[in-house]
Amino acid sequence: MSSLKTGRTFSPFFKILAASSLLALSASHAMGAQQATAQQTDAQAGTECASEKAVNGAYKGVFYANDFGYLDASCIAPNDPRGAVEKTTDALKNIDIAPAITLSLGGEMRLRYHNEDNLGSSRLDGRDNEFALTRVRAYADVQITDYFRGYVEMVDARKSGGALPARGVEVVRTDVLNGFGEFHAPLAKGRAMVRAGRQELLFGAQRLISPLDWGNTRRSFDGFRASYKTDMFAIDGWFVNPRVISDKSSSRNSKTDFSGIYGQYFGLPGHAVEVYALNLDVDDPAALQSQLWTTGGRVADQKGVLRWEVEAAKQTGDNTNGDISAWMLTMTAGLDFSKSLPYSPKISVAYDRASGDGDETDGKTRTFNQLFPLAHALSGQHGSGRPTKYRSIFRKAQRQTA
């Protein structure tokens, strides 16, 4: 068992961000006190406060989708459940820096300890390892009028201790995680958006498309995305190349194209109704060249503490070995006490099944390709190996911090 050398973890980027954060928090504390006084005055005057739902729902799975619209309200709900740090950092959001130009700042500092048995470098290889992972993220979001936006998010991911080399998702040095320009405008009864640059993607339950928050470096792509959203539906389309990590730095994998269309319907209150068509084109002589199509859908619902979900997908196409024909099915039902009990507990029973190859020499590929998933959170112990052909029924008890 090796000792942890946490002193190596703190890069100059980390130190600068930490110092800046302390200054920002000190300044925002004073500003937060002034805002609190103003909010109390407005509340006493009977003006409408931002709802608890709006406050709790501000933070999303990707930072660029955070919605701090509750700050436009004259006050915040008296039963604001957030901690002192979250409240004071409101002062770093929607800062007026010029006429019709606002700036929002934010970030994250994360430390995670690993003590792994029989995982090694390639998993299940009989070797143990002990180490710590740190991650620092910082972003600046500039909104120019109601039409233009610029967003930059940096990440610095490090590893301390351990006898084995770092995996590809563990270390990257001061890298651009997100960096894009965006144009959006009203169109018919909705709003259209066009975005170009490096960006994370997150759709549905993250079974096929996820920023992979489990990975210390996270996952993002270089390319283009367009969307159109109304009160009834939303449709997204994109064409991107994956960002790959090599030797502690990132680059664009131009030999892999990932494109797709993802639709969501909002007409059934409380339901999530989604359909998608995805294409993965790998044109790399050093890899298995393939043209893979994935079509599927997802339906989910929650009434009170009861929730359920069904997702299914079919894959077709061809690769170097021949034709592709694969599928997957997931059904989940459970109880969600996140709104009524501390630590947001959830209990569920899930059935997962995916096709696999019984004969790898018959010229057909039947192994389902998960594309870009959040495998650990959804596959449980199956995360120890890439799910290819499995059938499982298991109970999951999740304890999540707010």
Protein backbone atom coordinates (compact mmCIF):
# COMPACT_ATOMS: atom_id res chain seq x y z
CA MET A 1 0.00 0.00 0.00
CA SER A 2 1.51 3.28 -1.09
CA SER A 3 1.24 6.56 0.76
CA LEU A 4 -0.61 9.50 -0.73
CA LYS A 5 1.51 12.48 -1.71
CA THR A 6 -1.16 15.10 -1.74
CA GLY A 7 1.38 17.90 -1.94
CA ARG A 8 1.88 17.15 -5.61
CA THR A 9 -1.77 17.69 -6.32
CA PHE A 10 -1.91 21.46 -6.09
CA SER A 11 -0.83 22.98 -9.41
CA PRO A 12 -0.25 26.72 -9.93
CA PHE A 13 -3.68 26.80 -11.57
CA PHE A 14 -5.19 25.34 -8.39
CA LYS A 15 -3.42 27.84 -6.15
CA ILE A 16 -4.44 30.83 -8.26
CA LEU A 17 -8.05 29.67 -8.38
CA ALA A 18 -8.12 28.99 -4.64
CA ALA A 19 -6.78 32.48 -3.86
CA SER A 20 -9.21 34.06 -6.32
CA SER A 21 -12.09 32.10 -4.80
CA LEU A 22 -11.28 33.36 -1.29
CA LEU A 23 -11.22 36.96 -2.51
CA ALA A 24 -14.43 36.45 -4.47
CA LEU A 25 -16.17 34.86 -1.51
CA SER A 26 -15.07 37.71 0.78
CA ALA A 27 -16.43 40.28 -1.66
CA SER A 28 -19.58 38.32 -2.36
CA HIS A 29 -20.26 37.96 1.38
CA ALA A 30 -20.61 41.72 1.73
CA MET A 31 -22.64 41.95 -1.46
CA GLY A 32 -24.77 39.00 -0.33
CA ALA A 33 -25.58 40.78 2.94
CA GLN A 34 -26.77 43.83 1.00
CA GLN A 35 -28.87 41.62 -1.29
CA ALA A 36 -30.37 39.83 1.70
CA THR A 37 -31.46 43.15 3.22
CA ALA A 38 -33.03 44.21 -0.08
CA GLN A 39 -34.76 40.83 -0.43
CA GLN A 40 -36.22 41.09 3.08
CA THR A 41 -37.52 44.58 2.29
CA ASP A 42 -39.14 43.35 -0.93
CA ALA A 43 -40.62 40.35 0.85
CA GLN A 44 -42.15 42.61 3.49
CA ALA A 45 -43.60 44.75 0.73
CA GLY A 46 -45.42 41.68 -0.62
CA THR A 47 -43.49 41.30 -3.88
CA GLU A 48 -43.18 37.84 -5.46
CA CYS A 49 -40.20 35.70 -4.46
CA ALA A 50 -38.37 33.11 -6.53
CA SER A 51 -39.70 29.62 -5.85
CA GLU A 52 -37.77 26.94 -4.00
CA LYS A 53 -38.02 24.80 -7.15
CA ALA A 54 -36.32 27.48 -9.23
CA VAL A 55 -33.50 27.81 -6.71
CA ASN A 56 -32.95 24.06 -6.34
CA GLY A 57 -33.07 23.53 -10.09
CA ALA A 58 -30.44 26.14 -10.97
CA TYR A 59 -27.52 23.71 -11.21
CA LYS A 60 -27.48 21.26 -14.12
CA GLY A 61 -25.33 18.32 -15.21
CA VAL A 62 -23.21 20.68 -17.32
CA PHE A 63 -22.26 24.09 -15.96
CA TYR A 64 -23.08 25.96 -19.16
CA ALA A 65 -26.75 24.95 -18.75
CA ASN A 66 -27.03 26.39 -15.22
CA ASP A 67 -30.06 28.65 -14.91
CA PHE A 68 -29.80 31.48 -12.39
CA GLY A 69 -33.04 33.11 -13.49
CA TYR A 70 -34.21 33.13 -9.88
CA LEU A 71 -31.85 36.07 -9.32
CA ASP A 72 -34.17 38.22 -11.46
CA ALA A 73 -36.87 37.89 -8.79
CA SER A 74 -37.18 40.61 -6.17
CA CYS A 75 -36.42 38.09 -3.41
CA ILE A 76 -35.69 34.42 -2.79
CA ALA A 77 -38.07 32.07 -1.00
CA PRO A 78 -37.73 32.35 2.80
CA ASN A 79 -37.19 28.55 3.03
CA ASP A 80 -34.12 28.75 0.78
CA PRO A 81 -32.45 25.35 1.43
CA ARG A 82 -28.96 26.27 0.20
CA GLY A 83 -25.84 26.58 2.29
CA ALA A 84 -24.00 29.79 3.13
CA VAL A 85 -21.42 29.40 0.33
CA GLU A 86 -24.07 28.85 -2.35
CA LYS A 87 -26.00 31.88 -1.15
CA THR A 88 -23.01 34.22 -1.10
CA THR A 89 -21.81 33.14 -4.56
CA ASP A 90 -25.05 34.51 -6.02
CA ALA A 91 -23.06 37.74 -6.23
CA LEU A 92 -20.84 36.13 -8.91
CA LYS A 93 -23.78 35.53 -11.25
CA ASN A 94 -25.40 37.88 -13.78
CA ILE A 95 -22.95 40.70 -13.09
CA ASP A 96 -23.65 43.81 -15.19
CA ILE A 97 -20.29 44.72 -16.76
CA ALA A 98 -21.61 46.96 -19.56
CA PRO A 99 -24.96 47.94 -21.07
CA ALA A 100 -26.72 44.71 -22.13
CA ILE A 101 -23.67 42.59 -21.19
CA THR A 102 -23.59 40.28 -18.15
CA LEU A 103 -20.90 38.03 -16.70
CA SER A 104 -21.30 34.90 -14.55
CA LEU A 105 -18.41 33.16 -12.80
CA GLY A 106 -18.30 29.77 -11.10
CA GLY A 107 -16.45 26.52 -10.66
CA GLU A 108 -15.79 23.42 -8.63
CA MET A 109 -13.06 21.89 -6.50
CA ARG A 110 -13.23 18.13 -6.00
CA LEU A 111 -11.11 15.62 -4.06
CA ARG A 112 -11.74 11.87 -4.39
CA TYR A 113 -9.90 9.03 -2.62
CA HIS A 114 -9.52 5.60 -4.28
CA ASN A 115 -8.61 2.28 -2.65
CA GLU A 116 -9.00 -0.27 -5.43
CA ASP A 117 -8.79 -4.07 -5.17
CA ASN A 118 -8.20 -6.18 -8.27
CA LEU A 119 -8.71 -3.27 -10.64
CA GLY A 120 -5.17 -2.28 -11.62
CA SER A 121 -4.71 -0.51 -14.94
CA SER A 122 -7.08 -2.60 -17.05
CA ARG A 123 -9.45 -3.83 -14.29
CA LEU A 124 -9.74 -7.35 -12.92
CA ASP A 125 -6.00 -7.87 -13.45
CA GLY A 126 -5.20 -8.90 -9.86
CA ARG A 127 -3.41 -5.67 -8.86
CA ASP A 128 -4.43 -3.25 -6.10
CA ASN A 129 -3.91 0.50 -6.01
CA GLU A 130 -4.43 3.45 -3.66
CA PHE A 131 -4.42 7.09 -4.75
CA ALA A 132 -6.24 10.44 -4.68
CA LEU A 133 -7.77 12.42 -7.54
CA THR A 134 -8.29 16.19 -7.52
CA ARG A 135 -10.22 18.26 -10.04
CA VAL A 136 -10.61 22.01 -10.42
CA ARG A 137 -13.09 23.56 -12.85
CA ALA A 138 -13.63 27.28 -13.41
CA TYR A 139 -15.87 29.03 -15.94
CA ALA A 140 -16.75 32.46 -17.28
CA ASP A 141 -20.06 32.97 -19.06
CA VAL A 142 -20.65 36.22 -20.98
CA GLN A 143 -24.11 37.08 -22.33
CA ILE A 144 -24.24 39.91 -24.90
CA THR A 145 -27.77 41.24 -25.39
CA ASP A 146 -30.37 38.51 -25.87
CA TYR A 147 -28.65 37.06 -28.92
CA PHE A 148 -24.96 36.31 -28.33
CA ARG A 149 -23.05 34.33 -25.76
CA GLY A 150 -19.45 33.31 -25.10
CA TYR A 151 -18.54 30.55 -22.65
CA VAL A 152 -15.16 29.22 -21.46
CA GLU A 153 -14.61 26.51 -18.85
CA MET A 154 -11.19 25.23 -17.81
CA VAL A 155 -10.37 21.97 -16.05
CA ASP A 156 -7.26 20.78 -14.25
CA ALA A 157 -7.32 17.11 -13.15
CA ARG A 158 -4.48 15.52 -11.15
CA LYS A 159 -3.53 12.26 -9.46
CA SER A 160 -1.48 11.82 -6.26
CA GLY A 161 0.02 8.58 -5.03
CA GLY A 162 -0.54 5.14 -6.47
CA ALA A 163 1.87 2.58 -7.85
CA LEU A 164 0.25 2.32 -11.30
CA PRO A 165 0.12 4.83 -14.18
CA ALA A 166 -2.91 7.11 -14.44
CA ARG A 167 -5.81 6.01 -16.60
CA GLY A 168 -6.89 8.15 -19.52
CA VAL A 169 -9.85 9.66 -17.63
CA GLU A 170 -7.83 10.68 -14.56
CA VAL A 171 -5.25 13.34 -15.52
CA VAL A 172 -5.23 16.39 -17.78
CA ARG A 173 -3.26 19.60 -17.20
CA THR A 174 -5.09 22.95 -17.38
CA ASP A 175 -7.23 22.17 -20.40
CA VAL A 176 -10.27 23.71 -22.10
CA LEU A 177 -13.28 21.57 -21.16
CA ASN A 178 -15.84 23.87 -22.81
CA GLY A 179 -15.19 26.82 -25.09
CA PHE A 180 -17.81 28.00 -27.54
CA GLY A 181 -19.67 30.89 -29.11
CA GLU A 182 -23.44 30.86 -29.35
CA PHE A 183 -26.18 32.72 -31.22
CA HIS A 184 -29.81 32.39 -30.16
CA ALA A 185 -32.98 34.22 -31.13
CA PRO A 186 -36.78 33.93 -31.02
CA LEU A 187 -38.28 31.90 -33.86
CA ALA A 188 -42.01 31.33 -34.33
CA LYS A 189 -43.33 30.22 -30.91
CA GLY A 190 -39.95 29.10 -29.58
CA ARG A 191 -36.26 29.94 -29.49
CA ALA A 192 -33.49 28.74 -31.81
CA MET A 193 -29.81 28.33 -30.95
CA VAL A 194 -26.62 27.68 -32.92
CA ARG A 195 -23.35 26.87 -31.12
CA ALA A 196 -19.80 26.25 -32.36
CA GLY A 197 -16.74 25.12 -30.40
CA ARG A 198 -15.82 22.64 -27.66
CA GLN A 199 -18.79 21.50 -25.59
CA GLU A 200 -20.05 18.75 -23.33
CA LEU A 201 -23.15 16.79 -24.34
CA LEU A 202 -25.77 15.37 -21.97
CA PHE A 203 -29.06 13.80 -23.05
CA GLY A 204 -31.72 11.69 -21.35
CA ALA A 205 -30.59 9.36 -18.56
CA GLN A 206 -26.98 9.50 -19.87
CA ARG A 207 -27.02 5.86 -21.01
CA LEU A 208 -25.66 6.80 -24.43
CA ILE A 209 -24.54 10.44 -24.21
CA SER A 210 -22.91 11.78 -21.03
CA PRO A 211 -20.15 14.19 -19.96
CA LEU A 212 -18.93 11.34 -17.71
CA ASP A 213 -18.67 13.15 -14.41
CA TRP A 214 -17.20 9.97 -12.89
CA GLY A 215 -14.12 10.52 -15.03
CA ASN A 216 -11.78 13.05 -13.45
CA THR A 217 -11.18 14.75 -16.82
CA ARG A 218 -14.86 14.67 -17.93
CA ARG A 219 -15.83 14.19 -21.58
CA SER A 220 -16.45 16.83 -24.25
CA PHE A 221 -16.53 17.25 -28.03
CA ASP A 222 -15.45 19.72 -30.73
CA GLY A 223 -18.02 20.76 -33.31
CA PHE A 224 -21.45 22.25 -33.90
CA ARG A 225 -24.85 22.03 -32.26
CA ALA A 226 -28.22 23.56 -33.11
CA SER A 227 -31.49 23.42 -31.21
CA TYR A 228 -35.06 24.67 -31.26
CA LYS A 229 -37.27 24.72 -28.15
CA THR A 230 -40.89 25.63 -27.44
CA ASP A 231 -43.20 25.03 -24.48
CA MET A 232 -44.29 21.73 -26.09
CA PHE A 233 -41.12 20.22 -27.51
CA ALA A 234 -37.38 20.57 -28.08
CA ILE A 235 -35.18 19.22 -30.86
CA ASP A 236 -31.36 19.15 -30.91
CA GLY A 237 -28.95 18.26 -33.68
CA TRP A 238 -25.14 18.10 -33.66
CA PHE A 239 -22.01 17.10 -35.55
CA VAL A 240 -18.92 16.73 -33.36
CA ASN A 241 -15.59 14.96 -32.87
CA PRO A 242 -14.62 13.54 -29.44
CA ARG A 243 -12.00 15.27 -27.29
CA VAL A 244 -9.41 12.65 -26.38
CA ILE A 245 -6.85 12.75 -23.56
CA SER A 246 -3.27 11.67 -24.31
CA ASP A 247 -0.13 12.34 -22.27
CA LYS A 248 -2.02 14.71 -19.91
CA SER A 249 -3.31 16.96 -22.72
CA SER A 250 -6.31 16.86 -25.05
CA SER A 251 -6.86 16.94 -28.80
CA ARG A 252 -9.69 16.46 -31.30
CA ASN A 253 -10.19 12.98 -32.72
CA SER A 254 -10.88 13.92 -36.34
CA LYS A 255 -11.20 10.25 -37.38
CA THR A 256 -14.38 9.76 -35.34
CA ASP A 257 -17.55 11.68 -36.22
CA PHE A 258 -20.52 11.68 -33.87
CA SER A 259 -23.80 13.20 -35.02
CA GLY A 260 -27.42 12.91 -34.08
CA ILE A 261 -30.92 14.28 -33.59
CA TYR A 262 -32.60 14.20 -30.17
CA GLY A 263 -36.25 15.12 -29.64
CA GLN A 264 -38.14 15.78 -26.40
CA TYR A 265 -41.89 16.22 -25.90
CA PHE A 266 -43.22 18.25 -22.95
CA GLY A 267 -46.96 17.83 -23.57
CA LEU A 268 -47.47 15.24 -20.81
CA PRO A 269 -46.96 16.88 -17.40
CA GLY A 270 -44.54 14.96 -15.21
CA HIS A 271 -43.44 12.70 -18.09
CA ALA A 272 -40.20 12.59 -20.04
CA VAL A 273 -40.82 11.50 -23.63
CA GLU A 274 -37.72 11.32 -25.84
CA VAL A 275 -36.74 9.86 -29.23
CA TYR A 276 -33.34 9.90 -30.94
CA ALA A 277 -31.32 8.88 -33.99
CA LEU A 278 -27.52 8.79 -33.57
CA ASN A 279 -24.64 8.08 -35.93
CA LEU A 280 -21.07 7.10 -35.03
CA ASP A 281 -18.65 7.03 -37.98
CA VAL A 282 -15.17 5.67 -37.20
CA ASP A 283 -12.71 6.04 -40.08
CA ASP A 284 -9.46 5.04 -38.40
CA PRO A 285 -7.30 2.31 -40.00
CA ALA A 286 -5.79 1.59 -36.58
CA ALA A 287 -9.23 0.82 -35.08
CA LEU A 288 -12.35 -1.12 -36.05
CA GLN A 289 -13.78 1.07 -38.82
CA SER A 290 -17.55 1.30 -38.60
CA GLN A 291 -20.71 3.13 -39.59
CA LEU A 292 -23.12 2.70 -36.67
CA TRP A 293 -26.72 3.92 -36.42
CA THR A 294 -28.60 3.96 -33.10
CA THR A 295 -32.34 4.70 -32.95
CA GLY A 296 -34.39 4.56 -29.79
CA GLY A 297 -36.60 6.22 -27.25
CA ARG A 298 -37.13 6.81 -23.56
CA VAL A 299 -40.25 7.37 -21.43
CA ALA A 300 -40.19 8.21 -17.72
CA ASP A 301 -42.72 9.42 -15.16
CA GLN A 302 -42.91 10.34 -11.48
CA LYS A 303 -46.02 10.77 -9.34
CA GLY A 304 -45.26 11.64 -5.75
CA VAL A 305 -42.48 9.30 -4.63
CA LEU A 306 -43.28 6.67 -7.28
CA ARG A 307 -41.20 6.75 -10.46
CA TRP A 308 -40.60 4.49 -13.46
CA GLU A 309 -38.61 4.55 -16.69
CA VAL A 310 -38.29 2.52 -19.92
CA GLU A 311 -35.62 2.99 -22.58
CA ALA A 312 -34.91 0.85 -25.66
CA ALA A 313 -32.59 1.23 -28.64
CA LYS A 314 -31.69 -0.64 -31.84
CA GLN A 315 -28.33 -0.51 -33.62
CA THR A 316 -27.64 -1.21 -37.28
CA GLY A 317 -24.83 -0.52 -39.74
CA ASP A 318 -21.60 -2.20 -40.74
CA ASN A 319 -17.96 -2.42 -39.72
CA THR A 320 -14.76 -4.10 -40.83
CA ASN A 321 -16.12 -7.46 -39.68
CA GLY A 322 -19.51 -7.22 -41.44
CA ASP A 323 -23.05 -6.14 -40.59
CA ILE A 324 -24.16 -4.74 -37.23
CA SER A 325 -27.42 -5.73 -35.52
CA ALA A 326 -27.70 -5.05 -31.77
CA TRP A 327 -30.19 -3.82 -29.18
CA MET A 328 -30.67 -2.85 -25.54
CA LEU A 329 -33.61 -2.57 -23.12
CA THR A 330 -33.87 -0.96 -19.67
CA MET A 331 -36.86 -0.90 -17.29
CA THR A 332 -36.74 0.79 -13.88
CA ALA A 333 -39.26 1.34 -11.08
CA GLY A 334 -38.71 2.74 -7.62
CA LEU A 335 -39.24 5.27 -4.87
CA ASP A 336 -37.76 8.76 -4.79
CA PHE A 337 -37.62 10.50 -1.40
CA SER A 338 -35.31 13.31 -2.52
CA LYS A 339 -37.95 15.96 -1.79
CA SER A 340 -39.05 14.62 1.58
CA LEU A 341 -36.02 13.12 3.36
CA PRO A 342 -32.46 14.28 4.10
CA TYR A 343 -29.67 13.13 1.74
CA SER A 344 -32.16 12.61 -1.14
CA PRO A 345 -32.46 8.78 -0.92
CA LYS A 346 -33.77 6.79 -3.91
CA ILE A 347 -34.55 3.07 -4.06
CA SER A 348 -35.17 1.30 -7.36
CA VAL A 349 -35.38 -2.07 -9.08
CA ALA A 350 -33.98 -2.22 -12.60
CA TYR A 351 -33.92 -4.74 -15.43
CA ASP A 352 -31.15 -4.22 -18.00
CA ARG A 353 -30.49 -6.33 -21.07
CA ALA A 354 -28.23 -5.82 -24.08
CA SER A 355 -27.36 -8.08 -26.98
CA GLY A 356 -23.90 -9.58 -27.47
CA ASP A 357 -21.93 -11.80 -29.82
CA GLY A 358 -22.21 -15.57 -29.53
CA ASP A 359 -20.00 -16.12 -32.57
CA GLU A 360 -17.41 -13.49 -33.47
CA THR A 361 -16.48 -15.30 -36.71
CA ASP A 362 -19.87 -15.28 -38.46
CA GLY A 363 -19.43 -11.84 -40.08
CA LYS A 364 -22.06 -10.16 -37.90
CA THR A 365 -21.64 -7.85 -34.89
CA ARG A 366 -24.38 -8.21 -32.27
CA THR A 367 -22.62 -6.49 -29.36
CA PHE A 368 -24.43 -3.32 -28.32
CA ASN A 369 -22.18 -0.24 -28.37
CA GLN A 370 -22.92 2.13 -25.45
CA LEU A 371 -21.39 5.07 -27.34
CA PHE A 372 -20.52 7.72 -24.67
CA PRO A 373 -22.27 6.58 -21.45
CA LEU A 374 -22.17 7.24 -17.72
CA ALA A 375 -21.57 3.54 -17.15
CA HIS A 376 -20.80 3.43 -13.40
CA ALA A 377 -23.99 5.15 -12.29
CA LEU A 378 -26.28 3.06 -14.50
CA SER A 379 -24.65 -0.37 -14.72
CA GLY A 380 -23.72 -0.80 -11.06
CA GLN A 381 -21.18 -3.59 -10.70
CA HIS A 382 -21.30 -4.09 -14.47
CA GLY A 383 -19.13 -0.99 -14.58
CA SER A 384 -16.21 -3.34 -13.86
CA GLY A 385 -16.36 -4.32 -17.52
CA ARG A 386 -18.00 -2.85 -20.59
CA PRO A 387 -21.51 -4.36 -20.77
CA THR A 388 -21.82 -6.42 -23.92
CA LYS A 389 -24.28 -9.22 -23.23
CA TYR A 390 -25.92 -9.26 -19.85
CA ARG A 391 -29.20 -9.62 -18.08
CA SER A 392 -29.52 -8.38 -14.58
CA ILE A 393 -32.07 -7.59 -11.95
CA PHE A 394 -30.67 -5.62 -9.08
CA ARG A 395 -31.73 -3.21 -6.41
CA LYS A 396 -30.02 0.10 -6.16
CA ALA A 397 -30.07 2.31 -3.12
CA GLN A 398 -28.71 5.74 -3.85
CA ARG A 399 -27.82 8.31 -1.26
CA GLN A 400 -27.22 11.63 -2.91
CA THR A 401 -26.19 14.90 -1.42
CA ALA A 402 -28.18 17.92 -2.47
